[in-house]
N, C-alpha and C. Protein backbone atom coordinates (compact mmCIF):
# COMPACT_ATOMS: atom_id res chain seq x y z
N MET A 1 86.47 86.25 94.29
CA MET A 1 87.70 86.94 94.67
C MET A 1 88.93 86.08 94.40
N LYS A 2 88.85 84.79 94.67
CA LYS A 2 90.03 83.96 94.49
C LYS A 2 90.39 83.76 93.03
N ASN A 3 89.43 83.98 92.13
CA ASN A 3 89.81 83.82 90.73
C ASN A 3 90.74 84.93 90.28
N TRP A 4 91.01 85.91 91.14
CA TRP A 4 91.99 86.95 90.84
C TRP A 4 93.40 86.48 91.18
N ILE A 5 93.52 85.42 91.95
CA ILE A 5 94.81 85.06 92.53
C ILE A 5 95.27 83.74 91.95
N ASN A 6 96.53 83.66 91.62
CA ASN A 6 97.10 82.43 91.09
C ASN A 6 96.96 81.31 92.11
N SER A 7 96.72 80.08 91.63
CA SER A 7 96.48 78.95 92.52
C SER A 7 97.64 78.71 93.47
N VAL A 8 98.86 79.04 93.06
CA VAL A 8 100.01 78.88 93.96
C VAL A 8 99.85 79.77 95.17
N LEU A 9 99.32 80.96 94.98
CA LEU A 9 99.14 81.88 96.11
C LEU A 9 98.07 81.37 97.05
N ILE A 10 97.06 80.72 96.53
CA ILE A 10 96.02 80.16 97.37
C ILE A 10 96.60 79.05 98.24
N ILE A 11 97.49 78.25 97.67
CA ILE A 11 98.14 77.20 98.45
C ILE A 11 98.93 77.82 99.60
N CYS A 12 99.64 78.91 99.34
CA CYS A 12 100.41 79.59 100.39
C CYS A 12 99.48 80.09 101.48
N PHE A 13 98.37 80.66 101.08
CA PHE A 13 97.38 81.13 102.06
C PHE A 13 96.90 79.99 102.94
N THR A 14 96.55 78.86 102.31
CA THR A 14 96.03 77.72 103.05
C THR A 14 97.05 77.17 104.02
N LEU A 15 98.32 77.10 103.58
CA LEU A 15 99.37 76.61 104.46
C LEU A 15 99.55 77.51 105.68
N CYS A 16 99.52 78.81 105.46
CA CYS A 16 99.71 79.75 106.55
C CYS A 16 98.56 79.67 107.54
N ILE A 17 97.33 79.61 107.03
CA ILE A 17 96.17 79.51 107.90
C ILE A 17 96.21 78.20 108.68
N SER A 18 96.57 77.11 108.00
CA SER A 18 96.64 75.81 108.67
C SER A 18 97.66 75.83 109.79
N LEU A 19 98.80 76.45 109.57
CA LEU A 19 99.83 76.54 110.60
C LEU A 19 99.33 77.37 111.77
N ALA A 20 98.64 78.46 111.46
CA ALA A 20 98.13 79.33 112.51
C ALA A 20 97.09 78.62 113.36
N CYS A 21 96.33 77.71 112.75
CA CYS A 21 95.26 77.01 113.46
C CYS A 21 95.72 75.72 114.12
N SER A 22 96.95 75.32 113.88
CA SER A 22 97.37 73.98 114.27
C SER A 22 97.62 73.82 115.75
N GLY A 23 97.84 74.94 116.45
CA GLY A 23 98.17 74.84 117.86
C GLY A 23 99.65 74.61 118.09
N THR A 24 100.43 74.48 117.01
CA THR A 24 101.87 74.27 117.13
C THR A 24 102.62 75.36 116.38
N LYS A 25 102.07 76.54 116.43
CA LYS A 25 102.60 77.66 115.65
C LYS A 25 103.88 78.19 116.30
N GLU A 26 104.99 77.58 115.98
CA GLU A 26 106.26 78.09 116.47
C GLU A 26 106.63 79.31 115.66
N SER A 27 107.15 80.33 116.33
CA SER A 27 107.38 81.63 115.69
C SER A 27 108.26 81.49 114.45
N LYS A 28 109.36 80.74 114.54
CA LYS A 28 110.29 80.64 113.42
C LYS A 28 109.63 80.01 112.21
N ASP A 29 108.92 78.89 112.41
CA ASP A 29 108.26 78.21 111.30
C ASP A 29 107.18 79.08 110.69
N TYR A 30 106.41 79.72 111.53
CA TYR A 30 105.31 80.56 111.04
C TYR A 30 105.84 81.73 110.23
N LEU A 31 106.81 82.44 110.76
CA LEU A 31 107.35 83.61 110.05
C LEU A 31 108.06 83.20 108.77
N SER A 32 108.71 82.05 108.77
CA SER A 32 109.36 81.55 107.55
C SER A 32 108.33 81.26 106.48
N LEU A 33 107.19 80.70 106.88
CA LEU A 33 106.14 80.40 105.92
C LEU A 33 105.53 81.67 105.35
N ILE A 34 105.34 82.67 106.19
CA ILE A 34 104.86 83.96 105.71
C ILE A 34 105.85 84.55 104.71
N GLU A 35 107.13 84.50 105.03
CA GLU A 35 108.16 85.03 104.13
C GLU A 35 108.17 84.29 102.80
N ASP A 36 108.03 82.97 102.85
CA ASP A 36 108.00 82.19 101.62
C ASP A 36 106.78 82.54 100.76
N SER A 37 105.65 82.74 101.41
CA SER A 37 104.44 83.07 100.66
C SER A 37 104.58 84.44 100.00
N ARG A 38 105.26 85.36 100.67
CA ARG A 38 105.47 86.69 100.08
C ARG A 38 106.42 86.62 98.89
N LYS A 39 107.44 85.81 98.97
CA LYS A 39 108.34 85.65 97.84
C LYS A 39 107.62 85.05 96.64
N THR A 40 106.74 84.08 96.91
CA THR A 40 105.96 83.46 95.84
C THR A 40 105.04 84.49 95.20
N LYS A 41 104.39 85.29 96.03
CA LYS A 41 103.49 86.31 95.51
C LYS A 41 104.25 87.34 94.69
N ASP A 42 105.41 87.78 95.19
CA ASP A 42 106.21 88.75 94.44
C ASP A 42 106.62 88.19 93.08
N SER A 43 106.97 86.92 93.04
CA SER A 43 107.35 86.28 91.78
C SER A 43 106.17 86.27 90.80
N PHE A 44 104.98 85.98 91.32
CA PHE A 44 103.78 86.00 90.49
C PHE A 44 103.55 87.39 89.91
N TYR A 45 103.61 88.41 90.76
CA TYR A 45 103.37 89.78 90.30
C TYR A 45 104.45 90.23 89.31
N ARG A 46 105.62 89.70 89.44
CA ARG A 46 106.74 90.11 88.59
C ARG A 46 106.73 89.41 87.23
N THR A 47 106.26 88.17 87.18
CA THR A 47 106.48 87.37 85.98
C THR A 47 105.21 86.84 85.31
N HIS A 48 104.11 86.75 86.04
CA HIS A 48 102.95 86.06 85.47
C HIS A 48 102.20 86.96 84.49
N GLU A 49 101.70 86.35 83.42
CA GLU A 49 101.00 87.12 82.38
C GLU A 49 99.70 87.74 82.88
N LYS A 50 99.14 87.21 83.98
CA LYS A 50 97.91 87.76 84.53
C LYS A 50 98.16 88.71 85.70
N SER A 51 99.40 89.05 85.94
CA SER A 51 99.71 89.99 87.01
C SER A 51 99.16 91.37 86.68
N PRO A 52 98.56 92.07 87.64
CA PRO A 52 98.10 93.44 87.38
C PRO A 52 99.25 94.42 87.18
N LEU A 53 100.46 94.00 87.53
CA LEU A 53 101.64 94.84 87.36
C LEU A 53 102.53 94.35 86.22
N ARG A 54 101.95 93.58 85.32
CA ARG A 54 102.75 93.01 84.23
C ARG A 54 103.36 94.07 83.32
N ASP A 55 102.76 95.28 83.29
CA ASP A 55 103.29 96.35 82.44
C ASP A 55 104.16 97.34 83.20
N ASP A 56 104.41 97.07 84.48
CA ASP A 56 105.23 97.97 85.30
C ASP A 56 106.67 97.46 85.31
N SER A 57 107.51 98.05 84.49
CA SER A 57 108.89 97.59 84.36
C SER A 57 109.72 97.89 85.60
N THR A 58 109.22 98.74 86.49
CA THR A 58 109.97 99.11 87.69
C THR A 58 109.67 98.18 88.86
N PHE A 59 108.70 97.27 88.69
CA PHE A 59 108.28 96.45 89.83
C PHE A 59 109.38 95.49 90.28
N GLU A 60 109.63 95.47 91.59
CA GLU A 60 110.56 94.52 92.19
C GLU A 60 109.86 93.63 93.21
N HIS A 61 109.08 94.24 94.08
CA HIS A 61 108.36 93.47 95.10
C HIS A 61 107.24 94.33 95.66
N LEU A 62 106.26 93.68 96.25
CA LEU A 62 105.20 94.38 96.95
C LEU A 62 105.76 94.91 98.28
N ASN A 63 105.02 95.83 98.88
CA ASN A 63 105.42 96.38 100.17
C ASN A 63 104.58 95.73 101.27
N TYR A 64 105.24 95.36 102.36
CA TYR A 64 104.56 94.65 103.44
C TYR A 64 104.90 95.27 104.79
N PHE A 65 103.96 95.16 105.71
CA PHE A 65 104.29 95.40 107.11
C PHE A 65 105.11 94.21 107.60
N PRO A 66 105.98 94.42 108.61
CA PRO A 66 106.73 93.29 109.15
C PRO A 66 105.79 92.20 109.67
N ALA A 67 106.08 90.96 109.33
CA ALA A 67 105.23 89.86 109.79
C ALA A 67 105.40 89.62 111.28
N SER A 68 104.31 89.35 111.94
CA SER A 68 104.34 89.03 113.37
C SER A 68 103.17 88.11 113.67
N GLU A 69 103.45 87.06 114.46
CA GLU A 69 102.37 86.15 114.80
C GLU A 69 101.34 86.80 115.71
N ASP A 70 101.64 87.98 116.28
CA ASP A 70 100.65 88.70 117.07
C ASP A 70 99.45 89.12 116.23
N TRP A 71 99.66 89.19 114.91
CA TRP A 71 98.58 89.60 114.02
C TRP A 71 97.80 88.42 113.47
N SER A 72 98.10 87.22 113.92
CA SER A 72 97.25 86.07 113.65
C SER A 72 96.30 85.96 114.84
N VAL A 73 95.09 86.45 114.66
CA VAL A 73 94.18 86.74 115.76
C VAL A 73 93.08 85.69 115.85
N GLU A 74 92.92 85.12 117.04
CA GLU A 74 91.80 84.21 117.27
C GLU A 74 90.54 85.02 117.53
N CYS A 75 89.52 84.78 116.72
CA CYS A 75 88.27 85.54 116.81
C CYS A 75 87.12 84.64 117.23
N ASP A 76 86.19 85.22 117.96
CA ASP A 76 84.92 84.55 118.24
C ASP A 76 84.02 84.72 117.02
N PHE A 77 83.35 83.64 116.66
CA PHE A 77 82.48 83.65 115.48
C PHE A 77 81.03 83.55 115.91
N ARG A 78 80.20 84.41 115.33
CA ARG A 78 78.76 84.36 115.56
C ARG A 78 78.06 84.21 114.22
N LEU A 79 77.35 83.10 114.05
CA LEU A 79 76.68 82.83 112.80
C LEU A 79 75.49 83.77 112.62
N ARG A 80 75.36 84.30 111.40
CA ARG A 80 74.18 85.11 111.05
C ARG A 80 74.02 85.08 109.53
N THR A 81 73.26 84.13 109.07
CA THR A 81 73.08 83.95 107.63
C THR A 81 71.77 84.57 107.15
N ASP A 82 71.24 85.52 107.91
CA ASP A 82 69.95 86.12 107.58
C ASP A 82 70.10 87.44 106.82
N THR A 83 71.34 87.85 106.55
CA THR A 83 71.56 89.17 105.98
C THR A 83 72.25 89.09 104.63
N GLN A 84 71.65 89.72 103.65
CA GLN A 84 72.28 89.90 102.34
C GLN A 84 72.69 91.37 102.21
N ILE A 85 73.90 91.60 101.71
CA ILE A 85 74.38 92.96 101.50
C ILE A 85 74.70 93.14 100.02
N VAL A 86 74.25 94.25 99.47
CA VAL A 86 74.62 94.60 98.11
C VAL A 86 75.81 95.55 98.18
N ILE A 87 76.93 95.12 97.64
CA ILE A 87 78.15 95.91 97.64
C ILE A 87 78.37 96.46 96.23
N ILE A 88 78.52 97.76 96.14
CA ILE A 88 78.80 98.39 94.85
C ILE A 88 80.30 98.32 94.59
N ASP A 89 80.67 97.86 93.41
CA ASP A 89 82.10 97.72 93.13
C ASP A 89 82.66 99.02 92.56
N THR A 90 83.95 99.01 92.24
CA THR A 90 84.64 100.24 91.85
C THR A 90 84.21 100.77 90.50
N LYS A 91 83.48 99.98 89.74
CA LYS A 91 82.96 100.47 88.47
C LYS A 91 81.45 100.72 88.53
N GLY A 92 80.91 100.68 89.77
CA GLY A 92 79.51 101.04 89.97
C GLY A 92 78.51 99.91 89.84
N TYR A 93 78.97 98.66 89.68
CA TYR A 93 78.08 97.54 89.55
C TYR A 93 77.77 96.92 90.91
N PRO A 94 76.53 96.48 91.13
CA PRO A 94 76.17 95.87 92.42
C PRO A 94 76.60 94.40 92.48
N ARG A 95 77.04 93.98 93.65
CA ARG A 95 77.35 92.57 93.90
C ARG A 95 76.66 92.18 95.20
N GLU A 96 76.00 91.03 95.19
CA GLU A 96 75.27 90.59 96.37
C GLU A 96 76.10 89.59 97.16
N TYR A 97 76.21 89.82 98.46
CA TYR A 97 76.99 88.96 99.35
C TYR A 97 76.11 88.49 100.51
N LEU A 98 76.36 87.27 100.95
CA LEU A 98 75.72 86.75 102.15
C LEU A 98 76.63 87.01 103.35
N VAL A 99 76.10 87.69 104.36
CA VAL A 99 76.84 87.84 105.61
C VAL A 99 76.74 86.52 106.36
N TYR A 100 77.83 85.77 106.37
CA TYR A 100 77.82 84.44 106.98
C TYR A 100 77.92 84.53 108.50
N GLY A 101 78.62 85.56 108.99
CA GLY A 101 78.76 85.70 110.43
C GLY A 101 79.59 86.92 110.79
N THR A 102 79.76 87.15 112.08
CA THR A 102 80.60 88.24 112.56
C THR A 102 81.80 87.67 113.31
N LEU A 103 82.92 88.35 113.18
CA LEU A 103 84.15 87.97 113.86
C LEU A 103 84.51 89.07 114.84
N THR A 104 84.80 88.71 116.07
CA THR A 104 85.25 89.67 117.07
C THR A 104 86.51 89.13 117.73
N GLY A 105 87.47 90.01 117.95
CA GLY A 105 88.73 89.60 118.56
C GLY A 105 89.56 90.79 118.97
N ASN A 106 90.68 90.51 119.58
CA ASN A 106 91.59 91.54 120.05
C ASN A 106 92.88 91.51 119.26
N THR A 107 93.25 92.65 118.69
CA THR A 107 94.49 92.80 117.95
C THR A 107 95.49 93.59 118.79
N PRO A 108 96.74 93.68 118.37
CA PRO A 108 97.71 94.50 119.12
C PRO A 108 97.33 95.97 119.23
N THR A 109 96.42 96.45 118.37
CA THR A 109 96.04 97.86 118.41
C THR A 109 94.60 98.08 118.83
N GLY A 110 93.92 97.04 119.28
CA GLY A 110 92.56 97.22 119.76
C GLY A 110 91.61 96.13 119.31
N ARG A 111 90.39 96.20 119.81
CA ARG A 111 89.38 95.20 119.53
C ARG A 111 88.76 95.45 118.15
N ILE A 112 88.38 94.37 117.48
CA ILE A 112 87.77 94.47 116.15
C ILE A 112 86.47 93.69 116.10
N GLN A 113 85.60 94.12 115.21
CA GLN A 113 84.42 93.33 114.83
C GLN A 113 84.21 93.52 113.34
N LEU A 114 84.10 92.40 112.63
CA LEU A 114 84.02 92.44 111.17
C LEU A 114 82.99 91.44 110.67
N PHE A 115 82.30 91.81 109.59
CA PHE A 115 81.46 90.86 108.88
C PHE A 115 82.35 89.92 108.07
N ALA A 116 81.99 88.64 108.07
CA ALA A 116 82.64 87.65 107.21
C ALA A 116 81.61 87.19 106.18
N PHE A 117 82.01 87.24 104.91
CA PHE A 117 81.09 86.94 103.82
C PHE A 117 81.36 85.56 103.24
N LYS A 118 80.28 84.85 102.93
CA LYS A 118 80.40 83.55 102.27
C LYS A 118 80.10 83.75 100.79
N MET A 119 81.01 83.25 99.97
CA MET A 119 80.85 83.37 98.53
C MET A 119 80.65 81.98 97.95
N GLU A 120 79.70 81.84 97.07
CA GLU A 120 79.32 80.54 96.53
C GLU A 120 80.52 79.81 95.91
N GLY A 121 80.69 78.58 96.34
CA GLY A 121 81.74 77.74 95.78
C GLY A 121 83.10 77.90 96.43
N GLU A 122 83.25 78.86 97.34
CA GLU A 122 84.55 79.09 97.97
C GLU A 122 84.69 78.25 99.25
N GLN A 123 85.92 77.93 99.58
CA GLN A 123 86.22 77.10 100.74
C GLN A 123 86.69 77.91 101.93
N SER A 124 86.57 79.22 101.84
CA SER A 124 86.97 80.09 102.94
C SER A 124 86.02 81.28 102.99
N LEU A 125 86.13 82.07 104.04
CA LEU A 125 85.30 83.26 104.20
C LEU A 125 86.08 84.49 103.75
N PHE A 126 85.37 85.44 103.20
CA PHE A 126 85.94 86.66 102.66
C PHE A 126 85.68 87.80 103.64
N VAL A 127 86.78 88.49 104.05
CA VAL A 127 86.67 89.56 105.03
C VAL A 127 87.37 90.81 104.50
N PRO A 128 86.64 91.71 103.86
CA PRO A 128 87.23 92.99 103.45
C PRO A 128 87.21 93.97 104.61
N PHE A 129 88.18 94.88 104.66
CA PHE A 129 88.18 95.85 105.77
C PHE A 129 88.91 97.12 105.37
N VAL A 130 88.50 98.20 105.99
CA VAL A 130 89.21 99.47 105.94
C VAL A 130 89.64 99.79 107.36
N ASP A 131 90.90 100.15 107.55
CA ASP A 131 91.39 100.50 108.89
C ASP A 131 92.09 101.85 108.83
N ALA A 132 92.64 102.28 109.96
CA ALA A 132 93.21 103.63 110.03
C ALA A 132 94.42 103.81 109.11
N THR A 133 95.11 102.74 108.75
CA THR A 133 96.25 102.89 107.85
C THR A 133 95.81 103.32 106.45
N CYS A 134 94.55 103.09 106.12
CA CYS A 134 94.03 103.49 104.81
C CYS A 134 93.91 105.01 104.71
N LYS A 135 93.87 105.69 105.84
CA LYS A 135 93.67 107.13 105.85
C LYS A 135 94.98 107.90 105.94
N ASN A 136 96.07 107.23 106.28
CA ASN A 136 97.35 107.91 106.43
C ASN A 136 98.39 107.43 105.43
N ASN A 137 97.91 106.79 104.35
CA ASN A 137 98.75 106.37 103.22
C ASN A 137 99.73 105.25 103.55
N LYS A 138 99.54 104.58 104.70
CA LYS A 138 100.35 103.41 104.97
C LYS A 138 99.85 102.21 104.15
N SER A 139 98.57 102.22 103.84
CA SER A 139 98.02 101.16 103.01
C SER A 139 97.02 101.77 102.03
N TYR A 140 96.54 100.96 101.12
CA TYR A 140 95.64 101.42 100.06
C TYR A 140 94.37 102.03 100.66
N GLY A 141 94.00 103.21 100.17
CA GLY A 141 92.85 103.92 100.72
C GLY A 141 91.53 103.20 100.57
N GLY A 142 91.43 102.31 99.59
CA GLY A 142 90.20 101.57 99.37
C GLY A 142 90.01 100.38 100.28
N GLY A 143 91.01 100.06 101.10
CA GLY A 143 90.90 98.93 102.01
C GLY A 143 91.61 97.69 101.50
N ARG A 144 91.63 96.69 102.34
CA ARG A 144 92.31 95.44 102.03
C ARG A 144 91.39 94.27 102.28
N PHE A 145 91.80 93.10 101.81
CA PHE A 145 91.01 91.88 101.93
C PHE A 145 91.83 90.83 102.69
N VAL A 146 91.14 89.99 103.43
CA VAL A 146 91.78 88.83 104.06
C VAL A 146 90.76 87.71 104.05
N GLU A 147 91.23 86.49 104.03
CA GLU A 147 90.36 85.33 104.02
C GLU A 147 90.68 84.43 105.19
N CYS A 148 89.71 83.64 105.62
CA CYS A 148 89.92 82.75 106.76
C CYS A 148 89.10 81.48 106.56
N LEU A 149 89.47 80.46 107.31
CA LEU A 149 88.73 79.21 107.26
C LEU A 149 87.40 79.36 107.99
N PHE A 150 86.50 78.41 107.76
CA PHE A 150 85.23 78.41 108.46
C PHE A 150 85.47 78.10 109.95
N PRO A 151 84.55 78.50 110.83
CA PRO A 151 84.77 78.32 112.27
C PRO A 151 84.91 76.85 112.65
N ASP A 152 85.68 76.61 113.71
CA ASP A 152 85.85 75.25 114.21
C ASP A 152 84.69 74.91 115.14
N GLU A 153 84.78 73.75 115.79
CA GLU A 153 83.68 73.28 116.64
C GLU A 153 83.47 74.18 117.86
N ASN A 154 84.47 74.98 118.19
CA ASN A 154 84.36 75.90 119.33
C ASN A 154 83.94 77.30 118.90
N LYS A 155 83.54 77.43 117.66
CA LYS A 155 83.12 78.72 117.09
C LYS A 155 84.24 79.75 117.16
N LYS A 156 85.44 79.28 116.84
CA LYS A 156 86.62 80.14 116.78
C LYS A 156 87.14 80.19 115.35
N VAL A 157 87.68 81.33 114.98
CA VAL A 157 88.26 81.53 113.66
C VAL A 157 89.60 82.22 113.81
N MET A 158 90.62 81.73 113.10
CA MET A 158 91.90 82.42 113.07
C MET A 158 91.90 83.38 111.89
N LEU A 159 92.03 84.67 112.20
CA LEU A 159 92.08 85.71 111.18
C LEU A 159 93.51 86.23 111.11
N ASP A 160 94.22 85.86 110.06
CA ASP A 160 95.65 86.17 109.95
C ASP A 160 95.84 87.43 109.10
N PHE A 161 96.01 88.55 109.76
CA PHE A 161 96.18 89.82 109.04
C PHE A 161 97.52 89.90 108.32
N ASN A 162 98.46 89.03 108.64
CA ASN A 162 99.70 88.98 107.84
C ASN A 162 99.40 88.60 106.39
N GLN A 163 98.23 87.98 106.18
CA GLN A 163 97.82 87.58 104.83
C GLN A 163 96.90 88.60 104.17
N ALA A 164 96.69 89.75 104.80
CA ALA A 164 95.84 90.79 104.21
C ALA A 164 96.47 91.30 102.92
N TYR A 165 95.67 91.43 101.88
CA TYR A 165 96.21 91.81 100.58
C TYR A 165 95.39 92.93 99.95
N ASN A 166 96.03 93.66 99.06
CA ASN A 166 95.37 94.72 98.33
C ASN A 166 94.59 94.14 97.15
N PRO A 167 93.45 94.74 96.83
CA PRO A 167 92.75 94.30 95.61
C PRO A 167 93.53 94.69 94.37
N TYR A 168 93.28 93.99 93.28
CA TYR A 168 94.01 94.26 92.04
C TYR A 168 93.83 95.70 91.57
N CYS A 169 92.69 96.32 91.86
CA CYS A 169 92.44 97.67 91.35
C CYS A 169 93.37 98.69 91.99
N HIS A 170 94.04 98.34 93.08
CA HIS A 170 95.06 99.22 93.65
C HIS A 170 96.27 99.32 92.72
N TYR A 171 96.58 98.21 92.06
CA TYR A 171 97.76 98.14 91.20
C TYR A 171 97.46 98.48 89.74
N ASN A 172 96.20 98.33 89.37
CA ASN A 172 95.85 98.54 87.97
C ASN A 172 94.36 98.90 87.91
N HIS A 173 94.07 100.13 87.50
CA HIS A 173 92.70 100.62 87.53
C HIS A 173 91.81 99.99 86.47
N ASN A 174 92.36 99.13 85.63
CA ASN A 174 91.53 98.41 84.67
C ASN A 174 90.73 97.30 85.35
N TYR A 175 91.12 96.95 86.58
CA TYR A 175 90.42 95.89 87.30
C TYR A 175 89.25 96.47 88.09
N ASN A 176 88.33 95.60 88.42
CA ASN A 176 87.09 95.97 89.10
C ASN A 176 87.04 95.25 90.44
N CYS A 177 86.85 95.98 91.54
CA CYS A 177 86.93 95.39 92.87
C CYS A 177 85.73 95.78 93.72
N PRO A 178 85.30 94.90 94.63
CA PRO A 178 84.24 95.29 95.56
C PRO A 178 84.73 96.38 96.51
N VAL A 179 83.84 97.31 96.83
CA VAL A 179 84.16 98.38 97.78
C VAL A 179 83.78 97.90 99.18
N VAL A 180 84.65 98.13 100.15
CA VAL A 180 84.43 97.65 101.51
C VAL A 180 83.19 98.32 102.11
N PRO A 181 82.24 97.55 102.66
CA PRO A 181 81.05 98.15 103.28
C PRO A 181 81.41 98.85 104.59
N LYS A 182 80.63 99.84 104.95
CA LYS A 182 80.92 100.63 106.15
C LYS A 182 80.95 99.78 107.42
N GLN A 183 80.21 98.65 107.41
CA GLN A 183 80.21 97.78 108.59
C GLN A 183 81.59 97.22 108.89
N ASN A 184 82.48 97.22 107.91
CA ASN A 184 83.82 96.66 108.11
C ASN A 184 84.89 97.74 108.14
N TYR A 185 84.50 98.95 108.59
CA TYR A 185 85.47 100.01 108.84
C TYR A 185 85.95 99.91 110.28
N LEU A 186 87.26 99.94 110.47
CA LEU A 186 87.87 99.85 111.79
C LEU A 186 88.53 101.19 112.15
N GLN A 187 88.49 101.54 113.42
CA GLN A 187 89.12 102.78 113.88
C GLN A 187 90.61 102.62 114.13
N ASN A 188 91.04 101.40 114.45
CA ASN A 188 92.44 101.17 114.78
C ASN A 188 93.25 100.82 113.55
N GLU A 189 94.57 100.86 113.69
CA GLU A 189 95.47 100.49 112.61
C GLU A 189 95.70 98.99 112.60
N ILE A 190 95.63 98.39 111.43
CA ILE A 190 96.02 96.99 111.25
C ILE A 190 97.40 97.02 110.59
N LEU A 191 98.42 96.88 111.40
CA LEU A 191 99.81 97.04 110.94
C LEU A 191 100.37 95.69 110.49
N ALA A 192 99.69 95.10 109.53
CA ALA A 192 100.06 93.77 109.04
C ALA A 192 99.58 93.62 107.61
N GLY A 193 100.22 92.69 106.90
CA GLY A 193 99.82 92.44 105.53
C GLY A 193 100.45 93.40 104.53
N GLU A 194 99.82 93.53 103.38
CA GLU A 194 100.35 94.39 102.33
C GLU A 194 100.15 95.87 102.66
N ARG A 195 101.18 96.64 102.35
CA ARG A 195 101.12 98.09 102.45
C ARG A 195 100.74 98.67 101.08
N ALA A 196 100.68 100.00 101.02
CA ALA A 196 100.45 100.67 99.74
C ALA A 196 101.64 100.40 98.83
N TYR A 197 101.36 100.34 97.52
CA TYR A 197 102.41 100.13 96.54
C TYR A 197 102.93 101.47 96.06
N LYS A 198 104.23 101.71 96.23
CA LYS A 198 104.86 102.98 95.86
C LYS A 198 104.14 104.13 96.57
N ASP A 199 104.10 105.30 95.93
CA ASP A 199 103.40 106.45 96.47
C ASP A 199 102.01 106.49 95.87
N GLN A 200 101.01 106.13 96.68
CA GLN A 200 99.66 106.01 96.15
C GLN A 200 98.77 107.18 96.53
N ASN A 201 99.35 108.34 96.80
CA ASN A 201 98.54 109.51 97.10
C ASN A 201 97.61 109.88 95.95
N GLU A 202 97.98 109.44 94.74
CA GLU A 202 97.19 109.82 93.57
C GLU A 202 96.08 108.83 93.28
N ASP A 203 95.87 107.85 94.18
CA ASP A 203 94.84 106.84 93.94
C ASP A 203 93.50 107.48 93.61
N SER A 204 92.80 106.88 92.66
CA SER A 204 91.52 107.43 92.22
C SER A 204 90.35 106.95 93.07
N TYR A 205 90.63 106.17 94.12
CA TYR A 205 89.55 105.69 94.97
C TYR A 205 88.78 106.85 95.58
N ASP A 206 87.47 106.80 95.47
CA ASP A 206 86.61 107.86 95.97
C ASP A 206 85.75 107.31 97.08
N ARG A 207 85.91 107.83 98.29
CA ARG A 207 85.16 107.31 99.42
C ARG A 207 83.66 107.57 99.30
N SER A 208 83.26 108.43 98.38
CA SER A 208 81.84 108.62 98.16
C SER A 208 81.17 107.38 97.57
N HIS A 209 82.02 106.44 97.07
CA HIS A 209 81.49 105.20 96.53
C HIS A 209 81.32 104.15 97.62
N SER A 210 81.67 104.50 98.86
CA SER A 210 81.60 103.52 99.94
C SER A 210 80.18 103.04 100.14
N ASN A 211 80.04 101.76 100.50
CA ASN A 211 78.72 101.19 100.75
C ASN A 211 78.27 101.54 102.15
N ASP A 212 77.01 101.86 102.27
CA ASP A 212 76.47 102.18 103.60
C ASP A 212 76.22 100.89 104.39
């Protein structure tokens, strides 16, 4: 998944997660860092040759929910490395993932439980999710992705939904993305991170491709 994202964006993600986990997360510093990371991401999407929106002459910036530290959620982590899941991607190809553990926590809109996946060679956990905003066109219908650090010694994980991002296939259907498994469907709205880009009612995402 990270090979889709410019290394500068990964640095922004790491800085934001580190600040959220530091115990000294002052609101002004945290929100400023989120804003800086969004400006960096917008610049990448606007100018980089590998941007999925490189052919969109109308692009100015991505759409985001307002950043709030309330959406940086401390989750309880439960290790479970006994489960492999085959996720079918948007072009119908299978991808095998290891369920590294489950994350449970309380968000401003309700309690969540999500599978966290470990991907070989990565330094963070991959957490795809579909929430209620995917059904009302506030965000991409296919779901969003967020990443987090491995659990600390107290089996806690900071899951920062302000860093939730859309897969590239939302912006350009030439890209191929994993489809969120049903285990990571949430009933509540996650009002954080990237929103839908422009008017995406015409998205070709088909929920019949969802993984069971």
